[in-house]
C-alpha atoms as a PDB file:
ATOM      1  CA  MET A   1      10.476 -24.586  -0.764  1.00  0.00           C
ATOM      2  CA  SER A   2       7.787 -22.178  -2.009  1.00  0.00           C
ATOM      3  CA  GLU A   3       5.669 -19.841   0.070  1.00  0.00           C
ATOM      4  CA  PRO A   4       2.205 -20.978   1.119  1.00  0.00           C
ATOM      5  CA  ALA A   5      -0.615 -19.671  -1.085  1.00  0.00           C
ATOM      6  CA  ALA A   6      -1.947 -17.386   1.670  1.00  0.00           C
ATOM      7  CA  ALA A   7       1.408 -15.616   1.971  1.00  0.00           C
ATOM      8  CA  GLN A   8       1.388 -14.832  -1.760  1.00  0.00           C
ATOM      9  CA  GLU A   9      -2.009 -13.100  -1.474  1.00  0.00           C
ATOM     10  CA  ALA A  10      -0.705 -10.344   0.807  1.00  0.00           C
ATOM     11  CA  THR A  11       2.361  -8.143   1.081  1.00  0.00           C
ATOM     12  CA  ARG A  12       3.866  -5.835   3.677  1.00  0.00           C
ATOM     13  CA  ALA A  13       2.497  -2.285   3.668  1.00  0.00           C
ATOM     14  CA  ASP A  14       5.943  -0.672   3.363  1.00  0.00           C
ATOM     15  CA  VAL A  15       6.882  -2.947   0.453  1.00  0.00           C
ATOM     16  CA  TRP A  16       3.661  -2.234  -1.450  1.00  0.00           C
ATOM     17  CA  LEU A  17       3.948   1.562  -0.987  1.00  0.00           C
ATOM     18  CA  TRP A  18       7.547   1.368  -2.262  1.00  0.00           C
ATOM     19  CA  ARG A  19       6.622  -0.864  -5.238  1.00  0.00           C
ATOM     20  CA  ALA A  20       3.734   1.459  -6.141  1.00  0.00           C
ATOM     21  CA  ARG A  21       6.270   4.324  -6.127  1.00  0.00           C
ATOM     22  CA  PHE A  22       4.618   6.476  -3.475  1.00  0.00           C
ATOM     23  CA  PHE A  23       7.988   6.505  -1.643  1.00  0.00           C
ATOM     24  CA  LYS A  24      11.566   6.395  -2.941  1.00  0.00           C
ATOM     25  CA  THR A  25      12.686   3.909  -0.264  1.00  0.00           C
ATOM     26  CA  ARG A  26      11.105   1.287   1.972  1.00  0.00           C
ATOM     27  CA  THR A  27      12.581   3.154   4.954  1.00  0.00           C
ATOM     28  CA  LEU A  28      10.635   6.307   4.055  1.00  0.00           C
ATOM     29  CA  ALA A  29       7.456   4.241   3.648  1.00  0.00           C
ATOM     30  CA  ALA A  30       8.042   2.517   7.003  1.00  0.00           C
ATOM     31  CA  THR A  31       8.595   5.839   8.771  1.00  0.00           C
ATOM     32  CA  PHE A  32       5.392   7.245   7.256  1.00  0.00           C
ATOM     33  CA  ILE A  33       3.477   4.164   8.472  1.00  0.00           C
ATOM     34  CA  ASP A  34       5.039   4.317  11.955  1.00  0.00           C
ATOM     35  CA  GLU A  35       3.747   7.886  12.250  1.00  0.00           C
ATOM     36  CA  GLY A  36       0.190   6.527  11.808  1.00  0.00           C
ATOM     37  CA  ARG A  37      -0.469   8.530   8.672  1.00  0.00           C
ATOM     38  CA  ILE A  38      -2.195   5.864   6.556  1.00  0.00           C
ATOM     39  CA  ARG A  39      -5.799   4.673   6.878  1.00  0.00           C
ATOM     40  CA  LEU A  40      -6.776   1.233   5.587  1.00  0.00           C
ATOM     41  CA  THR A  41     -10.295   0.176   4.643  1.00  0.00           C
ATOM     42  CA  ARG A  42     -10.865  -3.555   4.296  1.00  0.00           C
ATOM     43  CA  ALA A  43     -14.315  -5.130   4.035  1.00  0.00           C
ATOM     44  CA  GLY A  44     -15.945  -1.880   5.136  1.00  0.00           C
ATOM     45  CA  HIS A  45     -13.843  -1.599   8.311  1.00  0.00           C
ATOM     46  CA  GLU A  46     -11.505   1.383   8.582  1.00  0.00           C
ATOM     47  CA  SER A  47      -8.338   1.402  10.707  1.00  0.00           C
ATOM     48  CA  ARG A  48      -4.892   2.942  10.796  1.00  0.00           C
ATOM     49  CA  ILE A  49      -1.945   0.913   9.581  1.00  0.00           C
ATOM     50  CA  ASP A  50       0.125   0.755  12.758  1.00  0.00           C
ATOM     51  CA  LYS A  51       3.298  -0.984  11.601  1.00  0.00           C
ATOM     52  CA  PRO A  52       5.201  -1.491   8.334  1.00  0.00           C
ATOM     53  CA  ALA A  53       4.757  -5.273   8.439  1.00  0.00           C
ATOM     54  CA  ARG A  54       0.948  -5.001   8.373  1.00  0.00           C
ATOM     55  CA  SER A  55      -0.306  -7.022   5.410  1.00  0.00           C
ATOM     56  CA  LEU A  56      -2.155  -5.488   2.481  1.00  0.00           C
ATOM     57  CA  LYS A  57      -4.386  -7.432   0.115  1.00  0.00           C
ATOM     58  CA  VAL A  58      -5.916  -6.822  -3.293  1.00  0.00           C
ATOM     59  CA  GLY A  59      -9.150  -4.878  -2.792  1.00  0.00           C
ATOM     60  CA  ASP A  60      -7.925  -2.895   0.229  1.00  0.00           C
ATOM     61  CA  ALA A  61      -8.311   0.884   0.083  1.00  0.00           C
ATOM     62  CA  LEU A  62      -5.694   3.304   1.444  1.00  0.00           C
ATOM     63  CA  VAL A  63      -6.030   6.991   2.248  1.00  0.00           C
ATOM     64  CA  PHE A  64      -3.091   9.231   3.159  1.00  0.00           C
ATOM     65  CA  ALA A  65      -1.825  12.767   2.691  1.00  0.00           C
ATOM     66  CA  LEU A  66       1.335  13.056   0.621  1.00  0.00           C
ATOM     67  CA  GLY A  67       2.974  16.179  -0.736  1.00  0.00           C
ATOM     68  CA  GLY A  68       0.100  18.389   0.367  1.00  0.00           C
ATOM     69  CA  ARG A  69      -2.590  16.348  -1.367  1.00  0.00           C
ATOM     70  CA  LEU A  70      -4.912  13.576  -0.250  1.00  0.00           C
ATOM     71  CA  VAL A  71      -4.235  10.237  -1.931  1.00  0.00           C
ATOM     72  CA  ALA A  72      -7.030   7.640  -1.999  1.00  0.00           C
ATOM     73  CA  VAL A  73      -6.285   4.386  -3.828  1.00  0.00           C
ATOM     74  CA  LYS A  74      -7.621   0.867  -4.144  1.00  0.00           C
ATOM     75  CA  ILE A  75      -5.044  -1.915  -4.362  1.00  0.00           C
ATOM     76  CA  GLU A  76      -5.463  -3.757  -7.669  1.00  0.00           C
ATOM     77  CA  ALA A  77      -2.300  -5.903  -7.563  1.00  0.00           C
ATOM     78  CA  LEU A  78       0.537  -6.628  -5.129  1.00  0.00           C
ATOM     79  CA  GLY A  79       3.383  -6.548  -7.633  1.00  0.00           C
ATOM     80  CA  GLU A  80       6.567  -8.577  -7.565  1.00  0.00           C
ATOM     81  CA  ARG A  81       9.157  -5.822  -7.905  1.00  0.00           C
ATOM     82  CA  ARG A  82       9.633  -2.057  -7.990  1.00  0.00           C
ATOM     83  CA  GLY A  83       9.264  -1.499 -11.685  1.00  0.00           C
ATOM     84  CA  PRO A  84       9.022   1.615 -13.846  1.00  0.00           C
ATOM     85  CA  PRO A  85       6.266   4.181 -13.108  1.00  0.00           C
ATOM     86  CA  LYS A  86       3.994   2.783 -15.838  1.00  0.00           C
ATOM     87  CA  GLU A  87       4.130  -0.661 -14.211  1.00  0.00           C
ATOM     88  CA  ALA A  88       3.668   0.815 -10.714  1.00  0.00           C
ATOM     89  CA  ARG A  89       0.435   2.551 -11.785  1.00  0.00           C
ATOM     90  CA  THR A  90      -1.104  -0.859 -12.560  1.00  0.00           C
ATOM     91  CA  LEU A  91      -0.878  -1.766  -8.858  1.00  0.00           C
ATOM     92  CA  TYR A  92      -3.650   0.658  -7.836  1.00  0.00           C
ATOM     93  CA  SER A  93      -6.628   2.666  -9.031  1.00  0.00           C
ATOM     94  CA  ALA A  94      -7.508   6.131  -7.798  1.00  0.00           C
ATOM     95  CA  LEU A  95     -10.593   6.569  -5.621  1.00  0.00           C
ATOM     96  CA  ASP A  96     -12.552   9.719  -4.945  1.00  0.00           C
ATOM     97  CA  ALA A  97     -11.120  11.272  -1.778  1.00  0.00           C
ATOM     98  CA  PRO A  98     -13.413  10.788   1.235  1.00  0.00           C
END
Protein backbone atom coordinates (compact mmCIF):
# COMPACT_ATOMS: atom_id res chain seq x y z
CA MET A 1 0.00 0.00 0.00
CA SER A 2 1.44 3.40 -0.96
CA GLU A 3 1.36 6.58 1.09
CA PRO A 4 -1.39 9.10 0.42
CA ALA A 5 -0.37 11.99 -1.85
CA ALA A 6 -0.52 14.52 1.01
CA ALA A 7 1.99 12.52 3.05
CA GLN A 8 4.48 12.60 0.16
CA GLU A 9 4.35 16.41 0.02
CA ALA A 10 5.82 16.86 3.50
CA THR A 11 8.56 15.32 5.61
CA ARG A 12 9.61 15.40 9.24
CA ALA A 13 11.81 18.34 10.23
CA ASP A 14 14.55 16.14 11.72
CA VAL A 15 14.64 13.94 8.61
CA TRP A 16 14.90 16.90 6.23
CA LEU A 17 17.70 18.58 8.25
CA TRP A 18 19.59 15.26 8.23
CA ARG A 19 19.02 14.68 4.48
CA ALA A 20 20.15 18.25 3.72
CA ARG A 21 23.33 17.48 5.70
CA PHE A 22 23.00 20.21 8.31
CA PHE A 23 23.40 17.48 10.97
CA LYS A 24 25.37 14.21 10.96
CA THR A 25 22.53 12.26 12.61
CA ARG A 26 18.77 12.52 12.97
CA THR A 27 19.27 12.44 16.75
CA LEU A 28 21.39 15.60 16.63
CA ALA A 29 18.77 17.29 14.43
CA ALA A 30 15.98 16.23 16.80
CA THR A 31 17.85 17.56 19.83
CA PHE A 32 18.46 20.89 18.07
CA ILE A 33 14.72 21.12 17.26
CA ASP A 34 13.68 20.16 20.81
CA GLU A 35 15.78 23.08 22.08
CA GLY A 36 13.57 25.43 20.02
CA ARG A 37 16.45 26.72 17.92
CA ILE A 38 14.80 26.69 14.48
CA ARG A 39 12.32 29.25 13.12
CA LEU A 40 9.95 28.27 10.32
CA THR A 41 8.24 30.70 7.96
CA ARG A 42 5.33 29.31 5.97
CA ALA A 43 2.91 31.49 4.01
CA GLY A 44 4.22 34.61 5.74
CA HIS A 45 3.64 33.22 9.25
CA GLU A 46 6.71 32.70 11.43
CA SER A 47 6.87 30.16 14.28
CA ARG A 48 9.35 27.96 16.08
CA ILE A 49 9.55 24.30 15.16
CA ASP A 50 8.63 22.72 18.49
CA LYS A 51 9.11 19.01 17.81
CA PRO A 52 11.11 16.82 15.41
CA ALA A 53 7.98 15.34 13.84
CA ARG A 54 6.74 18.76 12.67
CA SER A 55 6.20 18.57 8.91
CA LEU A 56 8.14 20.67 6.43
CA LYS A 57 6.98 21.42 2.90
CA VAL A 58 8.58 22.74 -0.26
CA GLY A 59 8.57 26.54 -0.09
CA ASP A 60 9.04 26.74 3.69
CA ALA A 61 11.87 28.93 4.97
CA LEU A 62 14.06 27.99 7.95
CA VAL A 63 16.36 30.18 10.01
CA PHE A 64 18.76 28.83 12.64
CA ALA A 65 22.21 29.45 14.07
CA LEU A 66 24.71 26.67 13.42
CA GLY A 67 28.44 26.68 14.04
CA GLY A 68 28.47 30.36 14.96
CA ARG A 69 26.73 31.52 11.79
CA LEU A 70 23.13 32.25 10.88
CA VAL A 71 21.67 29.86 8.31
CA ALA A 72 18.62 30.98 6.31
CA VAL A 73 17.33 28.56 3.67
CA LYS A 74 14.27 27.94 1.56
CA ILE A 75 13.24 24.32 1.08
CA GLU A 76 13.33 23.47 -2.64
CA ALA A 77 12.86 19.68 -2.40
CA LEU A 78 12.17 17.09 0.31
CA GLY A 79 14.60 14.45 -0.90
CA GLU A 80 14.25 10.70 -0.64
CA ARG A 81 17.55 9.80 1.01
CA ARG A 82 20.67 11.24 2.61
CA GLY A 83 22.83 11.50 -0.45
CA PRO A 84 26.23 13.06 -1.13
CA PRO A 85 26.76 16.78 -0.35
CA LYS A 86 26.18 17.81 -3.98
CA GLU A 87 22.76 16.13 -3.93
CA ALA A 88 21.94 17.57 -0.48
CA ARG A 89 22.57 21.13 -1.74
CA THR A 90 19.74 20.70 -4.27
CA LEU A 91 17.25 20.39 -1.39
CA TYR A 92 17.52 24.08 -0.42
CA SER A 93 18.51 27.54 -1.59
CA ALA A 94 20.21 30.13 0.58
CA LEU A 95 18.25 33.20 1.64
CA ASP A 96 19.57 36.52 2.86
CA ALA A 97 19.71 36.33 6.66
CA PRO A 98 16.92 38.35 8.31
